[in-house]
C-alpha atoms as a PDB file:
ATOM      1  CA  MET A   1     120.090  94.905  94.685  1.00  0.00           C
ATOM      2  CA  ILE A   2     118.720  96.705  97.619  1.00  0.00           C
ATOM      3  CA  TYR A   3     115.429  97.445  98.273  1.00  0.00           C
ATOM      4  CA  VAL A   4     115.064 100.623 100.072  1.00  0.00           C
ATOM      5  CA  VAL A   5     111.673 100.432 101.623  1.00  0.00           C
ATOM      6  CA  THR A   6     110.084 104.382 102.115  1.00  0.00           C
ATOM      7  CA  ASN A   7     108.237 106.722 102.830  1.00  0.00           C
ATOM      8  CA  ASN A   8     108.047 109.379 105.270  1.00  0.00           C
ATOM      9  CA  LYS A   9     104.582 109.198 106.017  1.00  0.00           C
ATOM     10  CA  GLY A  10     104.442 106.122 109.005  1.00  0.00           C
ATOM     11  CA  GLY A  11     101.562 103.832 108.972  1.00  0.00           C
ATOM     12  CA  VAL A  12     101.571 103.069 105.344  1.00  0.00           C
ATOM     13  CA  GLY A  13     103.014  99.191 106.101  1.00  0.00           C
ATOM     14  CA  LYS A  14     106.957 100.056 105.422  1.00  0.00           C
ATOM     15  CA  SER A  15     107.719  97.265 108.118  1.00  0.00           C
ATOM     16  CA  LEU A  16     105.161  94.900 106.499  1.00  0.00           C
ATOM     17  CA  LEU A  17     106.891  95.201 103.420  1.00  0.00           C
ATOM     18  CA  SER A  18     110.283  94.388 104.425  1.00  0.00           C
ATOM     19  CA  HIS A  19     109.983  92.064 107.201  1.00  0.00           C
ATOM     20  CA  GLN A  20     106.852  90.176 105.540  1.00  0.00           C
ATOM     21  CA  ILE A  21     106.287  90.434 102.058  1.00  0.00           C
ATOM     22  CA  LEU A  22     109.780  91.526 100.380  1.00  0.00           C
ATOM     23  CA  PRO A  23     111.772  88.323 101.422  1.00  0.00           C
ATOM     24  CA  LEU A  24     109.187  86.173  99.027  1.00  0.00           C
ATOM     25  CA  LEU A  25     110.365  88.356  96.027  1.00  0.00           C
ATOM     26  CA  VAL A  26     114.101  88.375  96.757  1.00  0.00           C
ATOM     27  CA  SER A  27     116.938  85.226  96.587  1.00  0.00           C
ATOM     28  CA  ASP A  28     117.754  83.457  99.660  1.00  0.00           C
ATOM     29  CA  ASN A  29     120.692  85.030 100.442  1.00  0.00           C
ATOM     30  CA  PHE A  30     118.434  88.666 101.945  1.00  0.00           C
ATOM     31  CA  GLU A  31     118.992  90.465 104.949  1.00  0.00           C
ATOM     32  CA  VAL A  32     116.437  93.143 106.304  1.00  0.00           C
ATOM     33  CA  LEU A  33     118.570  96.294 107.718  1.00  0.00           C
ATOM     34  CA  GLU A  34     115.596  98.368 110.066  1.00  0.00           C
ATOM     35  CA  ILE A  35     117.089 101.889 110.237  1.00  0.00           C
ATOM     36  CA  ASP A  36     115.024 103.377 113.104  1.00  0.00           C
ATOM     37  CA  ASN A  37     115.922 105.083 116.358  1.00  0.00           C
ATOM     38  CA  ASN A  38     112.832 103.429 118.189  1.00  0.00           C
ATOM     39  CA  ASN A  39     111.052 100.811 116.118  1.00  0.00           C
ATOM     40  CA  ASN A  40     112.799  97.142 116.314  1.00  0.00           C
ATOM     41  CA  THR A  41     110.304  94.895 114.066  1.00  0.00           C
ATOM     42  CA  ALA A  42     112.906  91.888 113.962  1.00  0.00           C
ATOM     43  CA  ALA A  43     112.191  91.494 117.441  1.00  0.00           C
ATOM     44  CA  THR A  44     108.224  90.618 116.934  1.00  0.00           C
ATOM     45  CA  PHE A  45     109.478  87.584 114.344  1.00  0.00           C
ATOM     46  CA  SER A  46     111.268  86.091 117.145  1.00  0.00           C
ATOM     47  CA  ASP A  47     110.032  82.119 116.213  1.00  0.00           C
ATOM     48  CA  SER A  48     110.495  82.867 112.149  1.00  0.00           C
ATOM     49  CA  LYS A  49     112.386  80.594 110.180  1.00  0.00           C
ATOM     50  CA  LEU A  50     112.303  82.373 107.805  1.00  0.00           C
ATOM     51  CA  LEU A  51     113.799  85.652 109.179  1.00  0.00           C
ATOM     52  CA  LYS A  52     116.383  83.630 111.520  1.00  0.00           C
ATOM     53  CA  ASP A  53     119.620  85.620 111.863  1.00  0.00           C
ATOM     54  CA  LYS A  54     118.450  87.395 108.162  1.00  0.00           C
ATOM     55  CA  THR A  55     118.085  91.070 110.648  1.00  0.00           C
ATOM     56  CA  ARG A  56     119.674  94.303 111.816  1.00  0.00           C
ATOM     57  CA  ARG A  57     118.358  97.166 113.192  1.00  0.00           C
ATOM     58  CA  ILE A  58     120.581 100.191 113.357  1.00  0.00           C
ATOM     59  CA  LYS A  59     120.000 104.007 114.272  1.00  0.00           C
ATOM     60  CA  VAL A  60     119.562 106.645 111.942  1.00  0.00           C
ATOM     61  CA  LYS A  61     122.746 108.491 113.144  1.00  0.00           C
ATOM     62  CA  HIS A  62     125.349 104.992 112.221  1.00  0.00           C
ATOM     63  CA  ALA A  63     123.365 104.931 108.838  1.00  0.00           C
ATOM     64  CA  ASP A  64     126.148 106.535 106.747  1.00  0.00           C
ATOM     65  CA  ASP A  65     128.313 103.890 107.782  1.00  0.00           C
ATOM     66  CA  GLU A  66     126.984 100.952 107.725  1.00  0.00           C
ATOM     67  CA  LEU A  67     124.461 101.934 104.132  1.00  0.00           C
ATOM     68  CA  ASP A  68     128.575 101.371 102.434  1.00  0.00           C
ATOM     69  CA  ASP A  69     129.027  98.243 103.980  1.00  0.00           C
ATOM     70  CA  VAL A  70     125.838  97.081 102.922  1.00  0.00           C
ATOM     71  CA  PHE A  71     126.542  97.780  99.355  1.00  0.00           C
ATOM     72  CA  PHE A  72     130.086  96.615 100.400  1.00  0.00           C
ATOM     73  CA  GLU A  73     127.952  93.695 100.550  1.00  0.00           C
ATOM     74  CA  ALA A  74     125.312  93.303  97.745  1.00  0.00           C
ATOM     75  CA  MET A  75     127.862  93.851  95.342  1.00  0.00           C
ATOM     76  CA  SER A  76     130.666  91.265  96.673  1.00  0.00           C
ATOM     77  CA  ASN A  77     128.424  88.548  98.172  1.00  0.00           C
ATOM     78  CA  GLU A  78     126.132  88.609  95.238  1.00  0.00           C
ATOM     79  CA  LYS A  79     123.579  89.827  98.267  1.00  0.00           C
ATOM     80  CA  ASP A  80     120.019  91.523  97.952  1.00  0.00           C
ATOM     81  CA  ILE A  81     119.367  93.670 100.870  1.00  0.00           C
ATOM     82  CA  ILE A  82     115.693  95.157 102.036  1.00  0.00           C
ATOM     83  CA  VAL A  83     116.300  98.403 104.104  1.00  0.00           C
ATOM     84  CA  ASP A  84     113.224  99.775 106.286  1.00  0.00           C
ATOM     85  CA  GLY A  85     113.847 103.343 106.081  1.00  0.00           C
ATOM     86  CA  GLY A  86     111.690 105.040 108.456  1.00  0.00           C
ATOM     87  CA  GLY A  87     109.601 107.088 108.600  1.00  0.00           C
ATOM     88  CA  GLY A  88     109.320 110.936 108.403  1.00  0.00           C
ATOM     89  CA  ASP A  89     111.928 112.803 108.612  1.00  0.00           C
ATOM     90  CA  ASP A  90     114.076 109.717 109.234  1.00  0.00           C
ATOM     91  CA  SER A  91     113.538 108.572 105.928  1.00  0.00           C
ATOM     92  CA  ASN A  92     114.618 111.643 104.482  1.00  0.00           C
ATOM     93  CA  VAL A  93     118.208 111.123 106.000  1.00  0.00           C
ATOM     94  CA  ILE A  94     118.249 107.917 104.873  1.00  0.00           C
ATOM     95  CA  LEU A  95     117.258 109.252 101.127  1.00  0.00           C
ATOM     96  CA  LYS A  96     119.506 111.745 101.023  1.00  0.00           C
ATOM     97  CA  LEU A  97     122.743 109.427 102.184  1.00  0.00           C
ATOM     98  CA  LEU A  98     121.539 106.975  99.693  1.00  0.00           C
ATOM     99  CA  SER A  99     121.589 109.186  97.037  1.00  0.00           C
ATOM    100  CA  GLU A 100     125.506 108.889  97.412  1.00  0.00           C
ATOM    101  CA  GLN A 101     125.434 105.776  96.272  1.00  0.00           C
ATOM    102  CA  PRO A 102     125.377 103.938  92.928  1.00  0.00           C
ATOM    103  CA  GLN A 103     122.265 104.602  92.062  1.00  0.00           C
ATOM    104  CA  GLU A 104     121.789 101.050  89.541  1.00  0.00           C
ATOM    105  CA  ASN A 105     122.843  98.875  92.893  1.00  0.00           C
ATOM    106  CA  ILE A 106     118.749 100.181  93.940  1.00  0.00           C
ATOM    107  CA  LYS A 107     115.284  99.569  93.477  1.00  0.00           C
ATOM    108  CA  TYR A 108     113.032 102.129  95.662  1.00  0.00           C
ATOM    109  CA  VAL A 109     109.534 101.210  97.217  1.00  0.00           C
ATOM    110  CA  ILE A 110     107.175 103.186  98.225  1.00  0.00           C
ATOM    111  CA  PRO A 111     104.650 101.945 100.429  1.00  0.00           C
ATOM    112  CA  PHE A 112     100.882 103.694  99.434  1.00  0.00           C
ATOM    113  CA  MET A 113      98.236 102.753 101.629  1.00  0.00           C
ATOM    114  CA  VAL A 114      94.390 102.142 100.925  1.00  0.00           C
ATOM    115  CA  GLY A 115      92.601 105.183 101.058  1.00  0.00           C
ATOM    116  CA  SER A 116      95.598 107.562 101.183  1.00  0.00           C
ATOM    117  CA  ASP A 117      96.289 111.138  99.981  1.00  0.00           C
ATOM    118  CA  THR A 118      99.432 111.694  98.190  1.00  0.00           C
ATOM    119  CA  ALA A 119     101.206 114.135  99.460  1.00  0.00           C
ATOM    120  CA  ASN A 120     103.885 111.870 101.555  1.00  0.00           C
ATOM    121  CA  ALA A 121     103.766 109.277  98.246  1.00  0.00           C
ATOM    122  CA  GLU A 122     105.118 112.654  96.090  1.00  0.00           C
ATOM    123  CA  ASP A 123     107.402 114.324  98.442  1.00  0.00           C
ATOM    124  CA  THR A 124     109.444 110.905  98.671  1.00  0.00           C
ATOM    125  CA  TYR A 125     109.157 110.672  95.297  1.00  0.00           C
ATOM    126  CA  ASN A 126     111.033 113.593  94.554  1.00  0.00           C
ATOM    127  CA  ARG A 127     113.295 113.071  97.330  1.00  0.00           C
ATOM    128  CA  ILE A 128     114.888 109.809  94.844  1.00  0.00           C
ATOM    129  CA  PRO A 129     117.195 110.368  92.909  1.00  0.00           C
ATOM    130  CA  ASN A 130     116.968 108.096  90.695  1.00  0.00           C
ATOM    131  CA  LYS A 131     113.494 107.726  89.012  1.00  0.00           C
ATOM    132  CA  ASP A 132     113.928 104.755  86.540  1.00  0.00           C
ATOM    133  CA  ASN A 133     113.967 102.256  89.949  1.00  0.00           C
ATOM    134  CA  VAL A 134     110.776 103.027  91.764  1.00  0.00           C
ATOM    135  CA  LEU A 135     108.400 100.985  92.356  1.00  0.00           C
ATOM    136  CA  PHE A 136     104.975 102.036  93.939  1.00  0.00           C
ATOM    137  CA  ILE A 137     102.776  99.294  96.502  1.00  0.00           C
ATOM    138  CA  LEU A 138      99.240  99.870  96.619  1.00  0.00           C
ATOM    139  CA  ASN A 139      98.573  98.255 100.372  1.00  0.00           C
ATOM    140  CA  SER A 140      95.737  96.802 101.337  1.00  0.00           C
ATOM    141  CA  TYR A 141      93.417  96.752  99.292  1.00  0.00           C
ATOM    142  CA  HIS A 142      90.445  94.889  99.359  1.00  0.00           C
ATOM    143  CA  ASP A 143      88.635  94.827  96.078  1.00  0.00           C
ATOM    144  CA  ILE A 144      90.932  94.423  93.381  1.00  0.00           C
ATOM    145  CA  GLU A 145      88.127  95.070  90.763  1.00  0.00           C
ATOM    146  CA  ASN A 146      87.277  98.463  92.396  1.00  0.00           C
ATOM    147  CA  LEU A 147      91.167 100.002  93.052  1.00  0.00           C
ATOM    148  CA  THR A 148      90.392 103.076  91.433  1.00  0.00           C
ATOM    149  CA  GLU A 149      87.874 104.061  94.160  1.00  0.00           C
ATOM    150  CA  GLU A 150      89.667 102.315  96.535  1.00  0.00           C
ATOM    151  CA  PHE A 151      93.104 104.496  95.677  1.00  0.00           C
ATOM    152  CA  LEU A 152      92.149 107.309  94.580  1.00  0.00           C
ATOM    153  CA  PHE A 153      94.281 109.444  94.751  1.00  0.00           C
ATOM    154  CA  PHE A 154      96.727 106.970  93.131  1.00  0.00           C
ATOM    155  CA  MET A 155      95.016 106.040  90.235  1.00  0.00           C
ATOM    156  CA  GLY A 156      92.515 109.062  89.408  1.00  0.00           C
ATOM    157  CA  ASP A 157      89.574 109.658  88.495  1.00  0.00           C
ATOM    158  CA  LYS A 158      87.532 112.062  86.044  1.00  0.00           C
ATOM    159  CA  ALA A 159      84.422 112.124  86.957  1.00  0.00           C
ATOM    160  CA  SER A 160      85.530 113.565  90.649  1.00  0.00           C
ATOM    161  CA  ASP A 161      88.691 115.353  88.754  1.00  0.00           C
ATOM    162  CA  ASN A 162      91.022 113.704  90.731  1.00  0.00           C
ATOM    163  CA  PRO A 163      94.543 113.084  89.122  1.00  0.00           C
ATOM    164  CA  SER A 164      95.981 110.562  89.362  1.00  0.00           C
ATOM    165  CA  LEU A 165      99.514 110.535  91.172  1.00  0.00           C
ATOM    166  CA  ALA A 166     101.169 109.700  87.509  1.00  0.00           C
ATOM    167  CA  LYS A 167     100.332 113.226  86.137  1.00  0.00           C
ATOM    168  CA  VAL A 168     101.061 114.902  88.494  1.00  0.00           C
ATOM    169  CA  LEU A 169     104.277 114.264  89.017  1.00  0.00           C
ATOM    170  CA  LYS A 170     104.414 114.076  85.380  1.00  0.00           C
ATOM    171  CA  GLU A 171     106.195 110.081  84.977  1.00  0.00           C
ATOM    172  CA  ASP A 172     104.947 107.185  84.595  1.00  0.00           C
ATOM    173  CA  LEU A 173     104.464 104.805  88.029  1.00  0.00           C
ATOM    174  CA  ASN A 174     105.129 101.383  88.037  1.00  0.00           C
ATOM    175  CA  TYR A 175     103.608  99.701  90.701  1.00  0.00           C
ATOM    176  CA  MET A 176     101.894  96.304  92.524  1.00  0.00           C
ATOM    177  CA  LEU A 177      98.882  94.987  94.380  1.00  0.00           C
ATOM    178  CA  ILE A 178      98.995  93.643  97.643  1.00  0.00           C
ATOM    179  CA  PRO A 179      96.214  92.447  98.829  1.00  0.00           C
ATOM    180  CA  PHE A 180      94.838  93.160 102.874  1.00  0.00           C
ATOM    181  CA  SER A 181      94.803  90.465 105.732  1.00  0.00           C
ATOM    182  CA  SER A 182      94.091  90.238 108.641  1.00  0.00           C
ATOM    183  CA  ILE A 183      96.814  87.370 108.748  1.00  0.00           C
ATOM    184  CA  PHE A 184      99.584  89.197 108.432  1.00  0.00           C
ATOM    185  CA  LYS A 185      98.909  90.952 112.167  1.00  0.00           C
ATOM    186  CA  GLN A 186      97.815  87.161 113.432  1.00  0.00           C
ATOM    187  CA  ALA A 187     100.930  85.749 112.271  1.00  0.00           C
ATOM    188  CA  GLN A 188     103.256  88.330 113.973  1.00  0.00           C
ATOM    189  CA  ASN A 189     101.279  89.772 117.238  1.00  0.00           C
ATOM    190  CA  ASN A 190      99.990  85.627 118.250  1.00  0.00           C
ATOM    191  CA  HIS A 191     102.579  83.693 116.424  1.00  0.00           C
ATOM    192  CA  ASN A 192     105.541  85.804 116.387  1.00  0.00           C
ATOM    193  CA  MET A 193     106.567  84.664 113.039  1.00  0.00           C
ATOM    194  CA  THR A 194     105.663  85.958 109.291  1.00  0.00           C
ATOM    195  CA  ILE A 195     102.668  84.906 107.091  1.00  0.00           C
ATOM    196  CA  LYS A 196     105.236  82.988 104.907  1.00  0.00           C
ATOM    197  CA  ASP A 197     106.149  81.108 108.329  1.00  0.00           C
ATOM    198  CA  LEU A 198     102.753  80.296 109.172  1.00  0.00           C
ATOM    199  CA  ALA A 199     101.966  79.315 106.122  1.00  0.00           C
ATOM    200  CA  ASP A 200     104.366  76.595 105.767  1.00  0.00           C
ATOM    201  CA  LEU A 201     103.126  74.521 108.478  1.00  0.00           C
ATOM    202  CA  SER A 202     100.313  73.149 106.682  1.00  0.00           C
ATOM    203  CA  GLU A 203     102.710  72.234 103.962  1.00  0.00           C
ATOM    204  CA  GLY A 204     101.974  69.157 102.532  1.00  0.00           C
ATOM    205  CA  LEU A 205      99.624  68.146 105.216  1.00  0.00           C
ATOM    206  CA  LYS A 206      96.169  67.688 103.712  1.00  0.00           C
ATOM    207  CA  PRO A 207      92.564  67.847 106.154  1.00  0.00           C
ATOM    208  CA  GLU A 208      92.312  64.257 107.219  1.00  0.00           C
ATOM    209  CA  GLU A 209      95.886  63.972 107.873  1.00  0.00           C
ATOM    210  CA  ALA A 210      96.314  67.120 109.902  1.00  0.00           C
ATOM    211  CA  SER A 211      93.116  65.676 111.596  1.00  0.00           C
ATOM    212  CA  GLN A 212      94.499  62.236 113.033  1.00  0.00           C
ATOM    213  CA  LEU A 213      97.796  63.898 113.259  1.00  0.00           C
ATOM    214  CA  PHE A 214      96.087  66.753 115.711  1.00  0.00           C
ATOM    215  CA  LEU A 215      94.296  63.899 117.696  1.00  0.00           C
ATOM    216  CA  GLU A 216      97.409  62.061 118.914  1.00  0.00           C
ATOM    217  CA  LYS A 217      99.431  65.363 119.315  1.00  0.00           C
ATOM    218  CA  SER A 218      95.972  66.078 121.858  1.00  0.00           C
ATOM    219  CA  GLY A 219      95.974  63.470 123.694  1.00  0.00           C
ATOM    220  CA  GLY A 220      92.456  63.297 123.398  1.00  0.00           C
ATOM    221  CA  ASP A 221      91.899  66.593 124.654  1.00  0.00           C
ATOM    222  CA  LYS A 222      89.101  68.581 122.835  1.00  0.00           C
ATOM    223  CA  LEU A 223      90.562  71.766 123.622  1.00  0.00           C
ATOM    224  CA  GLU A 224      94.404  70.783 122.709  1.00  0.00           C
ATOM    225  CA  TYR A 225      92.693  69.049 119.943  1.00  0.00           C
ATOM    226  CA  ARG A 226      90.802  72.464 118.671  1.00  0.00           C
ATOM    227  CA  ARG A 227      94.191  74.880 119.637  1.00  0.00           C
ATOM    228  CA  LEU A 228      95.786  72.666 116.860  1.00  0.00           C
ATOM    229  CA  TYR A 229      93.558  72.394 114.147  1.00  0.00           C
ATOM    230  CA  LYS A 230      92.167  76.123 114.287  1.00  0.00           C
ATOM    231  CA  ARG A 231      95.992  76.567 113.672  1.00  0.00           C
ATOM    232  CA  TYR A 232      96.121  74.693 110.871  1.00  0.00           C
ATOM    233  CA  LYS A 233      93.063  76.417 109.256  1.00  0.00           C
ATOM    234  CA  LEU A 234      94.721  79.618 110.066  1.00  0.00           C
ATOM    235  CA  SER A 235      97.741  78.367 107.703  1.00  0.00           C
ATOM    236  CA  LEU A 236      95.988  77.074 105.085  1.00  0.00           C
ATOM    237  CA  ARG A 237      93.906  80.895 104.684  1.00  0.00           C
ATOM    238  CA  ALA A 238      97.430  82.107 105.066  1.00  0.00           C
ATOM    239  CA  LYS A 239      99.265  80.111 101.948  1.00  0.00           C
ATOM    240  CA  ALA A 240      96.159  81.489 100.270  1.00  0.00           C
ATOM    241  CA  VAL A 241      97.658  85.229 101.211  1.00  0.00           C
ATOM    242  CA  VAL A 242     101.293  83.909 100.202  1.00  0.00           C
ATOM    243  CA  ASP A 243     100.062  83.076  96.524  1.00  0.00           C
ATOM    244  CA  THR A 244      98.033  86.124  95.785  1.00  0.00           C
ATOM    245  CA  ILE A 245     101.506  87.896  96.539  1.00  0.00           C
ATOM    246  CA  ARG A 246     103.424  85.952  94.778  1.00  0.00           C
ATOM    247  CA  GLU A 247     100.683  86.009  92.070  1.00  0.00           C
ATOM    248  CA  ASN A 248     100.432  89.739  92.513  1.00  0.00           C
ATOM    249  CA  LEU A 249     104.239  90.102  92.583  1.00  0.00           C
ATOM    250  CA  SER A 250     104.768  88.632  89.465  1.00  0.00           C
ATOM    251  CA  GLN A 251     103.235  91.645  87.811  1.00  0.00           C
ATOM    252  CA  ILE A 252     104.273  94.844  87.588  1.00  0.00           C
ATOM    253  CA  ASP A 253     102.035  97.568  86.518  1.00  0.00           C
ATOM    254  CA  THR A 254     102.081 100.678  85.379  1.00  0.00           C
ATOM    255  CA  ILE A 255      99.640 103.430  85.155  1.00  0.00           C
ATOM    256  CA  LYS A 256     100.798 106.383  82.049  1.00  0.00           C
ATOM    257  CA  SER A 257     101.280 109.829  82.893  1.00  0.00           C
END
């Protein structure tokens, strides 16, 4: 399967989804292809075991030939490929190229950031050739009990006379939820790894065991012990976020038109 993360608006979490979240959903046999003239997101995950040897970056001008290869790999090797489709005009170019490919092998993923209006998401959706394979990701929610307020223009609200995006598009829309967490950025910027890599650092290690292990590793140095135990606690928090993401990704909700 090919997962195309697309939205012609920047800053909605396309790279976050492509490099940190969708790898939790797909098979172990996957690759992340970033099509972007400016960014090189994979370079910020240099210590990631999850993404090791599984990322590539190409410029938009090479996308036509590369996408042919992507479909060959997906079909011949049963490989899941995550395409990080850039933003703005780059995103539109990629969607145009994808319209020439067999659609049954593509799932389009449109991130929708908390507080956003619907203009870019609506435009992106209308450019997708196969509306049956579209999944919206409501990104960075704070309170799952307060989704209508956080994603007002997606969910709609009769009291404030705001129609849902589903009503605007006159289509039922499938969506999943991703929680806000600063740990995504901490893992990426401070540790050069994904949140999954960070979560794995505490796997199978109880606090009592961790305390004794770090005491030995620190050689009695209090600052080093504190540094090691602080990362352990961050790893436990990362695991809680990963568990929530996996639970959310197993449930697809639908907003009716």
